[in-house]
Amino acid sequence: MRPLRTAPLSSFLRRFSAHVHVHVLGMPIRVGHTANAGRGVFAVRDIDLGELIHTADPVVAHPSLASLHKACYFCLKGIRRSVSYTESAVAASATEGSPTFCSSTCEESAQVFYATEQQVDWSEFHEYCSNYGVRFPLIAKRLACMVISSGTSPNSLDILSHVNLSNGIPADWITERKLLYKALRSKAAGSLNLSFLTDDWYVGVLARLHINAFRIERVDQDDSEDILAAAAASILGESILGSAVYVLPSMYNHDCDPNVDILWPDNASANLVARRSIKSGEELHITYIDASMAPDKRRSFLEEHYGFTCKCARCRDGD
């Protein structure tokens, strides 16, 4: 995974309006507006079954707290505890919950946020996230550290769509923002510039994470005795390495019978692959959910978590 550099693509996509369709250079796709689903991604030529349409590095990613010892702290690549590349990594992997890096390149790239993170006592913040089983505050924490380190803009996620907050701001979001601010304002980190870290900023970030963050899940067959063991790891959540947010993949709309798969074969770098032949001009879709669920459960989940009623062919047919 390359060092985090998102400004060029973000600024490029920001230029398109309801009357302009943007062809993403070097890719067989364009970003444009759909009739009733906002922005969407369309093929500019025929795409073959199994073709790698494009890859995408995250704007921001964070391992789950349970994966700190088994995923690279930067790229989320799975790590075997017995394999480390430096003495510092050996020491880190020996301590449960300590960050570990898969390579010197990732350790160097991580300084865009890690230099700031190391100044802070995160115990109370992490305890809150662990007790309540929340993952989005962890991504917000990393984004805040990137902003503090001048690794990104406070507005780097503004291009993404967000949840409707017409019913009010969840009280726990304000609690989380206060905990994040408290941690960053601790004695060790007293000199950090936190002027951006307002309630409005945090709410804006969480509102986007709730519908744009992807869960990075990968089962290592080598670590499983058989397929059933791998499936059990997935069901129990043991295969979840973390979460990540992307710009271009977030432009894809949902379908319960998608024509594109989003895969993570190695780390948080996403691969968008055609799951069937796609004609030029056709809209590309991914699925936001487990599409094997029953129709009523799929639609209910999408309405609750994404705020729309799915009207894809499968849902219309009750499949």
C-alpha atoms as a PDB file:
ATOM      1  CA  MET A   1       0.000   0.000   0.000  1.00  0.00           C
ATOM      2  CA  ARG A   2       1.403   3.379  -0.988  1.00  0.00           C
ATOM      3  CA  PRO A   3       1.849   6.232   1.515  1.00  0.00           C
ATOM      4  CA  LEU A   4      -1.434   8.092   2.030  1.00  0.00           C
ATOM      5  CA  ARG A   5      -1.834  10.627  -0.777  1.00  0.00           C
ATOM      6  CA  THR A   6      -5.439  11.430  -1.541  1.00  0.00           C
ATOM      7  CA  ALA A   7      -5.579  15.088  -2.539  1.00  0.00           C
ATOM      8  CA  PRO A   8      -5.182  14.696  -6.339  1.00  0.00           C
ATOM      9  CA  LEU A   9      -8.102  12.263  -6.776  1.00  0.00           C
ATOM     10  CA  SER A  10     -10.288  14.109  -4.278  1.00  0.00           C
ATOM     11  CA  SER A  11      -9.765  17.508  -5.914  1.00  0.00           C
ATOM     12  CA  PHE A  12     -10.243  15.970  -9.362  1.00  0.00           C
ATOM     13  CA  LEU A  13     -13.591  14.415  -8.453  1.00  0.00           C
ATOM     14  CA  ARG A  14     -14.768  17.567  -6.665  1.00  0.00           C
ATOM     15  CA  ARG A  15     -14.789  19.405  -9.978  1.00  0.00           C
ATOM     16  CA  PHE A  16     -17.662  17.441 -11.472  1.00  0.00           C
ATOM     17  CA  SER A  17     -21.236  18.705 -11.139  1.00  0.00           C
ATOM     18  CA  ALA A  18     -24.673  17.474 -12.113  1.00  0.00           C
ATOM     19  CA  HIS A  19     -23.876  18.449 -15.698  1.00  0.00           C
ATOM     20  CA  VAL A  20     -20.378  16.982 -15.981  1.00  0.00           C
ATOM     21  CA  HIS A  21     -19.258  13.364 -16.118  1.00  0.00           C
ATOM     22  CA  VAL A  22     -15.666  12.699 -15.083  1.00  0.00           C
ATOM     23  CA  HIS A  23     -13.632  10.019 -16.821  1.00  0.00           C
ATOM     24  CA  VAL A  24     -11.156   8.710 -14.249  1.00  0.00           C
ATOM     25  CA  LEU A  25      -7.862   8.771 -16.122  1.00  0.00           C
ATOM     26  CA  GLY A  26      -6.235   5.416 -16.771  1.00  0.00           C
ATOM     27  CA  MET A  27      -9.341   3.486 -15.720  1.00  0.00           C
ATOM     28  CA  PRO A  28     -12.225   2.041 -17.771  1.00  0.00           C
ATOM     29  CA  ILE A  29     -14.758   4.042 -15.756  1.00  0.00           C
ATOM     30  CA  ARG A  30     -16.249   7.470 -15.293  1.00  0.00           C
ATOM     31  CA  VAL A  31     -17.997   9.058 -12.325  1.00  0.00           C
ATOM     32  CA  GLY A  32     -21.325  10.661 -13.137  1.00  0.00           C
ATOM     33  CA  HIS A  33     -24.835  11.219 -11.861  1.00  0.00           C
ATOM     34  CA  THR A  34     -27.550   8.586 -11.916  1.00  0.00           C
ATOM     35  CA  ALA A  35     -31.254   9.179 -12.434  1.00  0.00           C
ATOM     36  CA  ASN A  36     -32.225   8.553  -8.798  1.00  0.00           C
ATOM     37  CA  ALA A  37     -29.212   7.444  -6.741  1.00  0.00           C
ATOM     38  CA  GLY A  38     -26.894  10.451  -6.798  1.00  0.00           C
ATOM     39  CA  ARG A  39     -23.378   9.806  -8.020  1.00  0.00           C
ATOM     40  CA  GLY A  40     -22.441   6.552  -9.655  1.00  0.00           C
ATOM     41  CA  VAL A  41     -19.654   4.787 -11.533  1.00  0.00           C
ATOM     42  CA  PHE A  42     -20.093   3.793 -15.184  1.00  0.00           C
ATOM     43  CA  ALA A  43     -18.069   1.714 -17.655  1.00  0.00           C
ATOM     44  CA  VAL A  44     -16.531   3.664 -20.565  1.00  0.00           C
ATOM     45  CA  ARG A  45     -15.779   0.443 -22.454  1.00  0.00           C
ATOM     46  CA  ASP A  46     -16.695  -3.226 -22.244  1.00  0.00           C
ATOM     47  CA  ILE A  47     -15.173  -4.880 -19.165  1.00  0.00           C
ATOM     48  CA  ASP A  48     -14.457  -8.601 -19.086  1.00  0.00           C
ATOM     49  CA  LEU A  49     -15.427 -11.077 -16.379  1.00  0.00           C
ATOM     50  CA  GLY A  50     -12.656 -11.172 -13.767  1.00  0.00           C
ATOM     51  CA  GLU A  51     -10.957  -8.003 -15.025  1.00  0.00           C
ATOM     52  CA  LEU A  52      -9.261  -5.828 -12.422  1.00  0.00           C
ATOM     53  CA  ILE A  53     -11.061  -2.533 -12.956  1.00  0.00           C
ATOM     54  CA  HIS A  54      -8.886  -0.532 -10.580  1.00  0.00           C
ATOM     55  CA  THR A  55      -7.253  -0.555  -7.179  1.00  0.00           C
ATOM     56  CA  ALA A  56      -7.738   1.990  -4.400  1.00  0.00           C
ATOM     57  CA  ASP A  57      -5.667   2.957  -1.386  1.00  0.00           C
ATOM     58  CA  PRO A  58      -7.592   4.247   1.632  1.00  0.00           C
ATOM     59  CA  VAL A  59      -7.846   7.862   2.689  1.00  0.00           C
ATOM     60  CA  VAL A  60      -7.615   6.551   6.244  1.00  0.00           C
ATOM     61  CA  ALA A  61      -7.585   3.081   7.795  1.00  0.00           C
ATOM     62  CA  HIS A  62      -7.322   1.648  11.302  1.00  0.00           C
ATOM     63  CA  PRO A  63      -6.994  -1.930  12.573  1.00  0.00           C
ATOM     64  CA  SER A  64      -9.558  -3.251  15.009  1.00  0.00           C
ATOM     65  CA  LEU A  65      -8.371  -3.256  18.622  1.00  0.00           C
ATOM     66  CA  ALA A  66      -8.433  -7.058  18.552  1.00  0.00           C
ATOM     67  CA  SER A  67      -6.142  -7.028  15.497  1.00  0.00           C
ATOM     68  CA  LEU A  68      -3.375  -4.788  16.819  1.00  0.00           C
ATOM     69  CA  HIS A  69      -1.160  -7.848  17.257  1.00  0.00           C
ATOM     70  CA  LYS A  70      -2.082  -9.530  13.972  1.00  0.00           C
ATOM     71  CA  ALA A  71      -2.416  -6.724  11.411  1.00  0.00           C
ATOM     72  CA  CYS A  72       0.033  -4.091  10.204  1.00  0.00           C
ATOM     73  CA  TYR A  73      -0.739  -0.824  11.952  1.00  0.00           C
ATOM     74  CA  PHE A  74      -0.474   1.020   8.629  1.00  0.00           C
ATOM     75  CA  CYS A  75      -1.645  -1.207   5.753  1.00  0.00           C
ATOM     76  CA  LEU A  76      -3.652  -3.812   7.766  1.00  0.00           C
ATOM     77  CA  LYS A  77      -1.759  -6.700   6.207  1.00  0.00           C
ATOM     78  CA  GLY A  78      -2.103  -9.835   8.309  1.00  0.00           C
ATOM     79  CA  ILE A  79       0.991 -10.585  10.393  1.00  0.00           C
ATOM     80  CA  ARG A  80       2.081 -13.783  12.048  1.00  0.00           C
ATOM     81  CA  ARG A  81       3.218 -13.052  15.606  1.00  0.00           C
ATOM     82  CA  SER A  82       6.446 -14.971  15.104  1.00  0.00           C
ATOM     83  CA  VAL A  83       7.457 -12.934  12.030  1.00  0.00           C
ATOM     84  CA  SER A  84       8.829  -9.415  12.523  1.00  0.00           C
ATOM     85  CA  TYR A  85      11.292  -7.422  10.478  1.00  0.00           C
ATOM     86  CA  THR A  86      13.081  -5.312  13.138  1.00  0.00           C
ATOM     87  CA  GLU A  87      13.914  -5.411  16.836  1.00  0.00           C
ATOM     88  CA  SER A  88      11.254  -2.774  17.514  1.00  0.00           C
ATOM     89  CA  ALA A  89       8.650  -4.911  15.759  1.00  0.00           C
ATOM     90  CA  VAL A  90       9.704  -7.930  17.813  1.00  0.00           C
ATOM     91  CA  ALA A  91       9.244  -5.945  21.003  1.00  0.00           C
ATOM     92  CA  ALA A  92       5.883  -4.607  19.819  1.00  0.00           C
ATOM     93  CA  SER A  93       4.524  -7.977  18.779  1.00  0.00           C
ATOM     94  CA  ALA A  94       5.546  -9.451  22.129  1.00  0.00           C
ATOM     95  CA  THR A  95       3.121  -7.108  23.871  1.00  0.00           C
ATOM     96  CA  GLU A  96      -0.553  -7.933  23.334  1.00  0.00           C
ATOM     97  CA  GLY A  97      -2.316  -4.957  21.796  1.00  0.00           C
ATOM     98  CA  SER A  98       0.861  -3.123  20.762  1.00  0.00           C
ATOM     99  CA  PRO A  99       1.019  -1.788  17.183  1.00  0.00           C
ATOM    100  CA  THR A 100       3.077  -3.844  14.747  1.00  0.00           C
ATOM    101  CA  PHE A 101       4.261  -3.041  11.230  1.00  0.00           C
ATOM    102  CA  CYS A 102       4.785  -5.524   8.410  1.00  0.00           C
ATOM    103  CA  SER A 103       7.754  -3.665   6.910  1.00  0.00           C
ATOM    104  CA  SER A 104      10.074  -0.712   7.360  1.00  0.00           C
ATOM    105  CA  THR A 105       8.216   1.001   4.501  1.00  0.00           C
ATOM    106  CA  CYS A 106       4.929   0.844   6.404  1.00  0.00           C
ATOM    107  CA  GLU A 107       6.580   2.025   9.611  1.00  0.00           C
ATOM    108  CA  GLU A 108       8.020   5.036   7.778  1.00  0.00           C
ATOM    109  CA  SER A 109       4.749   5.779   5.979  1.00  0.00           C
ATOM    110  CA  ALA A 110       2.843   5.590   9.275  1.00  0.00           C
ATOM    111  CA  GLN A 111       4.715   8.579  10.672  1.00  0.00           C
ATOM    112  CA  VAL A 112       2.037  10.739   9.028  1.00  0.00           C
ATOM    113  CA  PHE A 113      -0.059   9.859  12.101  1.00  0.00           C
ATOM    114  CA  TYR A 114       2.021   7.624  14.379  1.00  0.00           C
ATOM    115  CA  ALA A 115       4.411  10.344  15.533  1.00  0.00           C
ATOM    116  CA  THR A 116       1.397  12.136  17.005  1.00  0.00           C
ATOM    117  CA  GLU A 117      -0.306   8.980  18.308  1.00  0.00           C
ATOM    118  CA  GLN A 118       2.793   8.026  20.296  1.00  0.00           C
ATOM    119  CA  GLN A 119       2.525  11.218  22.356  1.00  0.00           C
ATOM    120  CA  VAL A 120      -0.922  10.316  23.653  1.00  0.00           C
ATOM    121  CA  ASP A 121      -2.283   7.958  26.304  1.00  0.00           C
ATOM    122  CA  TRP A 122      -5.136   6.233  24.473  1.00  0.00           C
ATOM    123  CA  SER A 123      -6.148   3.856  27.267  1.00  0.00           C
ATOM    124  CA  GLU A 124      -9.441   5.584  28.187  1.00  0.00           C
ATOM    125  CA  PHE A 125     -10.399   6.163  24.552  1.00  0.00           C
ATOM    126  CA  HIS A 126      -9.616   2.576  23.553  1.00  0.00           C
ATOM    127  CA  GLU A 127     -11.433   1.228  26.604  1.00  0.00           C
ATOM    128  CA  TYR A 128     -14.550   3.125  25.530  1.00  0.00           C
ATOM    129  CA  CYS A 129     -14.297   1.761  21.974  1.00  0.00           C
ATOM    130  CA  SER A 130     -13.775  -1.767  23.286  1.00  0.00           C
ATOM    131  CA  ASN A 131     -16.607  -1.628  25.828  1.00  0.00           C
ATOM    132  CA  TYR A 132     -19.126  -0.315  23.303  1.00  0.00           C
ATOM    133  CA  GLY A 133     -17.818  -2.266  20.320  1.00  0.00           C
ATOM    134  CA  VAL A 134     -17.443   0.830  18.127  1.00  0.00           C
ATOM    135  CA  ARG A 135     -14.923   1.145  15.302  1.00  0.00           C
ATOM    136  CA  PHE A 136     -15.633   4.527  13.710  1.00  0.00           C
ATOM    137  CA  PRO A 137     -14.110   6.561  16.596  1.00  0.00           C
ATOM    138  CA  LEU A 138     -10.827   4.735  15.924  1.00  0.00           C
ATOM    139  CA  ILE A 139     -10.831   5.941  12.324  1.00  0.00           C
ATOM    140  CA  ALA A 140     -11.704   9.465  13.497  1.00  0.00           C
ATOM    141  CA  LYS A 141      -8.806   9.273  15.957  1.00  0.00           C
ATOM    142  CA  ARG A 142      -6.380   8.366  13.184  1.00  0.00           C
ATOM    143  CA  LEU A 143      -7.743  11.051  10.873  1.00  0.00           C
ATOM    144  CA  ALA A 144      -7.329  13.628  13.646  1.00  0.00           C
ATOM    145  CA  CYS A 145      -3.712  12.575  14.140  1.00  0.00           C
ATOM    146  CA  MET A 146      -3.115  12.867  10.391  1.00  0.00           C
ATOM    147  CA  VAL A 147      -4.549  16.390  10.429  1.00  0.00           C
ATOM    148  CA  ILE A 148      -2.385  17.344  13.419  1.00  0.00           C
ATOM    149  CA  SER A 149       0.687  16.007  11.614  1.00  0.00           C
ATOM    150  CA  SER A 150      -0.277  17.924   8.433  1.00  0.00           C
ATOM    151  CA  GLY A 151      -0.723  14.585   6.683  1.00  0.00           C
ATOM    152  CA  THR A 152      -4.169  15.520   5.395  1.00  0.00           C
ATOM    153  CA  SER A 153      -6.769  18.278   5.456  1.00  0.00           C
ATOM    154  CA  PRO A 154      -9.518  18.421   8.101  1.00  0.00           C
ATOM    155  CA  ASN A 155     -11.912  18.415   5.134  1.00  0.00           C
ATOM    156  CA  SER A 156     -10.477  15.354   3.391  1.00  0.00           C
ATOM    157  CA  LEU A 157     -13.726  13.363   3.747  1.00  0.00           C
ATOM    158  CA  ASP A 158     -16.086  16.175   2.732  1.00  0.00           C
ATOM    159  CA  ILE A 159     -16.452  14.802  -0.805  1.00  0.00           C
ATOM    160  CA  LEU A 160     -18.206  11.709   0.565  1.00  0.00           C
ATOM    161  CA  SER A 161     -21.940  11.400   1.155  1.00  0.00           C
ATOM    162  CA  HIS A 162     -23.192  11.336   4.746  1.00  0.00           C
ATOM    163  CA  VAL A 163     -26.068  10.052   6.841  1.00  0.00           C
ATOM    164  CA  ASN A 164     -29.160  12.174   7.349  1.00  0.00           C
ATOM    165  CA  LEU A 165     -29.070  13.742  10.812  1.00  0.00           C
ATOM    166  CA  SER A 166     -32.521  15.321  10.638  1.00  0.00           C
ATOM    167  CA  ASN A 167     -33.497  13.424  13.799  1.00  0.00           C
ATOM    168  CA  GLY A 168     -30.618  14.943  15.732  1.00  0.00           C
ATOM    169  CA  ILE A 169     -26.997  14.183  16.523  1.00  0.00           C
ATOM    170  CA  PRO A 170     -26.449  10.958  18.498  1.00  0.00           C
ATOM    171  CA  ALA A 171     -25.365  11.814  22.042  1.00  0.00           C
ATOM    172  CA  ASP A 172     -22.616   9.204  21.982  1.00  0.00           C
ATOM    173  CA  TRP A 173     -20.904  11.036  19.108  1.00  0.00           C
ATOM    174  CA  ILE A 174     -20.485  14.088  21.333  1.00  0.00           C
ATOM    175  CA  THR A 175     -19.192  11.859  24.138  1.00  0.00           C
ATOM    176  CA  GLU A 176     -16.659  10.305  21.770  1.00  0.00           C
ATOM    177  CA  ARG A 177     -15.494  13.706  20.543  1.00  0.00           C
ATOM    178  CA  LYS A 178     -14.903  14.825  24.128  1.00  0.00           C
ATOM    179  CA  LEU A 179     -12.913  11.656  24.877  1.00  0.00           C
ATOM    180  CA  LEU A 180     -10.811  12.160  21.753  1.00  0.00           C
ATOM    181  CA  TYR A 181     -10.181  15.801  22.618  1.00  0.00           C
ATOM    182  CA  LYS A 182      -9.340  14.877  26.214  1.00  0.00           C
ATOM    183  CA  ALA A 183      -6.790  12.292  25.092  1.00  0.00           C
ATOM    184  CA  LEU A 184      -5.126  14.668  22.639  1.00  0.00           C
ATOM    185  CA  ARG A 185      -5.136  17.449  25.246  1.00  0.00           C
ATOM    186  CA  SER A 186      -3.344  15.246  27.777  1.00  0.00           C
ATOM    187  CA  LYS A 187      -0.161  16.487  29.430  1.00  0.00           C
ATOM    188  CA  ALA A 188       2.115  14.633  27.028  1.00  0.00           C
ATOM    189  CA  ALA A 189       0.347  16.094  24.007  1.00  0.00           C
ATOM    190  CA  GLY A 190      -0.379  19.559  25.364  1.00  0.00           C
ATOM    191  CA  SER A 191       1.252  21.426  22.490  1.00  0.00           C
ATOM    192  CA  LEU A 192      -0.872  19.913  19.706  1.00  0.00           C
ATOM    193  CA  ASN A 193      -3.067  22.229  17.609  1.00  0.00           C
ATOM    194  CA  LEU A 194      -6.635  20.989  18.058  1.00  0.00           C
ATOM    195  CA  SER A 195      -8.548  24.010  16.778  1.00  0.00           C
ATOM    196  CA  PHE A 196     -10.186  21.868  14.074  1.00  0.00           C
ATOM    197  CA  LEU A 197     -11.448  19.213  16.531  1.00  0.00           C
ATOM    198  CA  THR A 198     -14.885  20.685  17.159  1.00  0.00           C
ATOM    199  CA  ASP A 199     -18.225  18.943  17.599  1.00  0.00           C
ATOM    200  CA  ASP A 200     -19.107  19.937  14.031  1.00  0.00           C
ATOM    201  CA  TRP A 201     -15.920  18.378  12.645  1.00  0.00           C
ATOM    202  CA  TYR A 202     -16.344  15.126  14.537  1.00  0.00           C
ATOM    203  CA  VAL A 203     -20.032  14.818  13.662  1.00  0.00           C
ATOM    204  CA  GLY A 204     -19.224  15.457   9.999  1.00  0.00           C
ATOM    205  CA  VAL A 205     -16.581  12.728  10.047  1.00  0.00           C
ATOM    206  CA  LEU A 206     -18.793  10.168  11.825  1.00  0.00           C
ATOM    207  CA  ALA A 207     -21.717  10.956   9.519  1.00  0.00           C
ATOM    208  CA  ARG A 208     -19.526   9.997   6.566  1.00  0.00           C
ATOM    209  CA  LEU A 209     -17.883   6.991   8.183  1.00  0.00           C
ATOM    210  CA  HIS A 210     -21.259   5.402   8.919  1.00  0.00           C
ATOM    211  CA  ILE A 211     -22.030   4.916   5.232  1.00  0.00           C
ATOM    212  CA  ASN A 212     -18.565   4.945   3.636  1.00  0.00           C
ATOM    213  CA  ALA A 213     -16.293   2.867   5.882  1.00  0.00           C
ATOM    214  CA  PHE A 214     -15.483  -0.615   4.607  1.00  0.00           C
ATOM    215  CA  ARG A 215     -14.762  -3.478   6.974  1.00  0.00           C
ATOM    216  CA  ILE A 216     -11.524  -5.196   5.973  1.00  0.00           C
ATOM    217  CA  GLU A 217     -12.014  -8.910   6.450  1.00  0.00           C
ATOM    218  CA  ARG A 218      -9.601 -11.583   5.317  1.00  0.00           C
ATOM    219  CA  VAL A 219      -9.363 -15.257   6.249  1.00  0.00           C
ATOM    220  CA  ASP A 220      -5.909 -16.781   5.895  1.00  0.00           C
ATOM    221  CA  GLN A 221      -6.483 -20.320   4.720  1.00  0.00           C
ATOM    222  CA  ASP A 222      -2.972 -21.256   5.866  1.00  0.00           C
ATOM    223  CA  ASP A 223      -4.002 -20.505   9.439  1.00  0.00           C
ATOM    224  CA  SER A 224      -7.172 -22.589   9.198  1.00  0.00           C
ATOM    225  CA  GLU A 225      -7.407 -26.351   9.429  1.00  0.00           C
ATOM    226  CA  ASP A 226     -10.202 -26.412   6.884  1.00  0.00           C
ATOM    227  CA  ILE A 227     -12.882 -24.354   5.192  1.00  0.00           C
ATOM    228  CA  LEU A 228     -15.231 -24.750   8.178  1.00  0.00           C
ATOM    229  CA  ALA A 229     -12.614 -23.269  10.488  1.00  0.00           C
ATOM    230  CA  ALA A 230     -12.200 -20.340   8.117  1.00  0.00           C
ATOM    231  CA  ALA A 231     -15.959 -19.806   8.039  1.00  0.00           C
ATOM    232  CA  ALA A 232     -16.117 -19.948  11.835  1.00  0.00           C
ATOM    233  CA  ALA A 233     -13.411 -17.291  12.058  1.00  0.00           C
ATOM    234  CA  SER A 234     -15.495 -15.052   9.813  1.00  0.00           C
ATOM    235  CA  ILE A 235     -18.702 -15.595  11.806  1.00  0.00           C
ATOM    236  CA  LEU A 236     -16.962 -14.899  15.120  1.00  0.00           C
ATOM    237  CA  GLY A 237     -15.358 -11.762  13.726  1.00  0.00           C
ATOM    238  CA  GLU A 238     -11.840 -13.135  14.114  1.00  0.00           C
ATOM    239  CA  SER A 239     -11.069 -12.448  10.449  1.00  0.00           C
ATOM    240  CA  ILE A 240     -11.826  -8.715  10.741  1.00  0.00           C
ATOM    241  CA  LEU A 241      -8.562  -6.809  10.458  1.00  0.00           C
ATOM    242  CA  GLY A 242      -9.932  -3.285  10.594  1.00  0.00           C
ATOM    243  CA  SER A 243     -11.799  -0.586   8.689  1.00  0.00           C
ATOM    244  CA  ALA A 244     -10.901   1.795   5.879  1.00  0.00           C
ATOM    245  CA  VAL A 245     -12.383   4.696   3.927  1.00  0.00           C
ATOM    246  CA  TYR A 246     -11.848   5.292   0.208  1.00  0.00           C
ATOM    247  CA  VAL A 247     -12.815   8.005  -2.262  1.00  0.00           C
ATOM    248  CA  LEU A 248     -13.536   6.247  -5.563  1.00  0.00           C
ATOM    249  CA  PRO A 249     -14.994   2.976  -4.172  1.00  0.00           C
ATOM    250  CA  SER A 250     -17.437   5.103  -2.154  1.00  0.00           C
ATOM    251  CA  MET A 251     -18.867   6.398  -5.441  1.00  0.00           C
ATOM    252  CA  TYR A 252     -20.187   2.914  -6.303  1.00  0.00           C
ATOM    253  CA  ASN A 253     -23.889   2.407  -5.663  1.00  0.00           C
ATOM    254  CA  HIS A 254     -25.376  -0.722  -4.120  1.00  0.00           C
ATOM    255  CA  ASP A 255     -27.082  -3.672  -5.779  1.00  0.00           C
ATOM    256  CA  CYS A 256     -28.038  -6.982  -4.176  1.00  0.00           C
ATOM    257  CA  ASP A 257     -26.779  -8.651  -7.373  1.00  0.00           C
ATOM    258  CA  PRO A 258     -23.622  -6.591  -7.994  1.00  0.00           C
ATOM    259  CA  ASN A 259     -21.504  -6.714 -11.129  1.00  0.00           C
ATOM    260  CA  VAL A 260     -18.334  -5.778  -9.225  1.00  0.00           C
ATOM    261  CA  ASP A 261     -16.599  -7.348  -6.226  1.00  0.00           C
ATOM    262  CA  ILE A 262     -14.436  -5.320  -3.852  1.00  0.00           C
ATOM    263  CA  LEU A 263     -11.629  -7.499  -2.518  1.00  0.00           C
ATOM    264  CA  TRP A 264      -8.664  -7.152  -0.167  1.00  0.00           C
ATOM    265  CA  PRO A 265      -6.225  -9.911  -1.189  1.00  0.00           C
ATOM    266  CA  ASP A 266      -3.280  -8.621   0.823  1.00  0.00           C
ATOM    267  CA  ASN A 267      -3.904  -5.437   2.805  1.00  0.00           C
ATOM    268  CA  ALA A 268      -6.146  -2.355   2.904  1.00  0.00           C
ATOM    269  CA  SER A 269      -5.535  -1.659  -0.786  1.00  0.00           C
ATOM    270  CA  ALA A 270      -8.860  -2.547  -2.404  1.00  0.00           C
ATOM    271  CA  ASN A 271      -9.220  -4.393  -5.706  1.00  0.00           C
ATOM    272  CA  LEU A 272     -12.376  -3.726  -7.727  1.00  0.00           C
ATOM    273  CA  VAL A 273     -12.969  -6.782  -9.940  1.00  0.00           C
ATOM    274  CA  ALA A 274     -15.718  -7.484 -12.479  1.00  0.00           C
ATOM    275  CA  ARG A 275     -17.824 -10.442 -11.343  1.00  0.00           C
ATOM    276  CA  ARG A 276     -19.402 -10.705 -14.803  1.00  0.00           C
ATOM    277  CA  SER A 277     -19.047  -9.113 -18.237  1.00  0.00           C
ATOM    278  CA  ILE A 278     -20.033  -5.435 -18.186  1.00  0.00           C
ATOM    279  CA  LYS A 279     -21.114  -3.428 -21.226  1.00  0.00           C
ATOM    280  CA  SER A 280     -19.875   0.065 -22.028  1.00  0.00           C
ATOM    281  CA  GLY A 281     -22.210   2.630 -20.451  1.00  0.00           C
ATOM    282  CA  GLU A 282     -23.494   0.214 -17.800  1.00  0.00           C
ATOM    283  CA  GLU A 283     -23.454   1.360 -14.179  1.00  0.00           C
ATOM    284  CA  LEU A 284     -21.099  -0.531 -11.884  1.00  0.00           C
ATOM    285  CA  HIS A 285     -22.405  -1.721  -8.506  1.00  0.00           C
ATOM    286  CA  ILE A 286     -21.000  -3.352  -5.418  1.00  0.00           C
ATOM    287  CA  THR A 287     -22.988  -4.767  -2.515  1.00  0.00           C
ATOM    288  CA  TYR A 288     -22.920  -2.946   0.812  1.00  0.00           C
ATOM    289  CA  ILE A 289     -24.205  -5.953   2.757  1.00  0.00           C
ATOM    290  CA  ASP A 290     -24.287  -9.726   2.936  1.00  0.00           C
ATOM    291  CA  ALA A 291     -26.388 -10.257  -0.193  1.00  0.00           C
ATOM    292  CA  SER A 292     -27.259 -13.815   0.874  1.00  0.00           C
ATOM    293  CA  MET A 293     -29.713 -12.485   3.476  1.00  0.00           C
ATOM    294  CA  ALA A 294     -33.445 -12.797   2.891  1.00  0.00           C
ATOM    295  CA  PRO A 295     -35.019  -9.899   0.906  1.00  0.00           C
ATOM    296  CA  ASP A 296     -36.862  -8.380   3.878  1.00  0.00           C
ATOM    297  CA  LYS A 297     -33.715  -8.456   6.013  1.00  0.00           C
ATOM    298  CA  ARG A 298     -31.622  -6.906   3.246  1.00  0.00           C
ATOM    299  CA  ARG A 299     -34.042  -4.064   2.701  1.00  0.00           C
ATOM    300  CA  SER A 300     -34.497  -3.464   6.427  1.00  0.00           C
ATOM    301  CA  PHE A 301     -30.731  -3.346   6.999  1.00  0.00           C
ATOM    302  CA  LEU A 302     -30.155  -0.946   4.106  1.00  0.00           C
ATOM    303  CA  GLU A 303     -32.958   1.339   5.270  1.00  0.00           C
ATOM    304  CA  GLU A 304     -31.652   1.409   8.843  1.00  0.00           C
ATOM    305  CA  HIS A 305     -27.942   1.768   8.130  1.00  0.00           C
ATOM    306  CA  TYR A 306     -27.801   3.502   4.743  1.00  0.00           C
ATOM    307  CA  GLY A 307     -31.085   5.388   4.614  1.00  0.00           C
ATOM    308  CA  PHE A 308     -32.513   4.088   1.334  1.00  0.00           C
ATOM    309  CA  THR A 309     -34.973   1.465   0.150  1.00  0.00           C
ATOM    310  CA  CYS A 310     -33.340  -0.951  -2.258  1.00  0.00           C
ATOM    311  CA  LYS A 311     -35.201  -1.262  -5.562  1.00  0.00           C
ATOM    312  CA  CYS A 312     -32.774  -3.555  -7.367  1.00  0.00           C
ATOM    313  CA  ALA A 313     -34.092  -6.406  -9.522  1.00  0.00           C
ATOM    314  CA  ARG A 314     -33.566  -8.991  -6.761  1.00  0.00           C
ATOM    315  CA  CYS A 315     -35.531  -6.966  -4.226  1.00  0.00           C
ATOM    316  CA  ARG A 316     -38.322  -6.205  -6.694  1.00  0.00           C
ATOM    317  CA  ASP A 317     -38.606  -9.923  -7.474  1.00  0.00           C
ATOM    318  CA  GLY A 318     -38.484 -10.891  -3.787  1.00  0.00           C
ATOM    319  CA  ASP A 319     -35.385 -13.000  -4.412  1.00  0.00           C
END
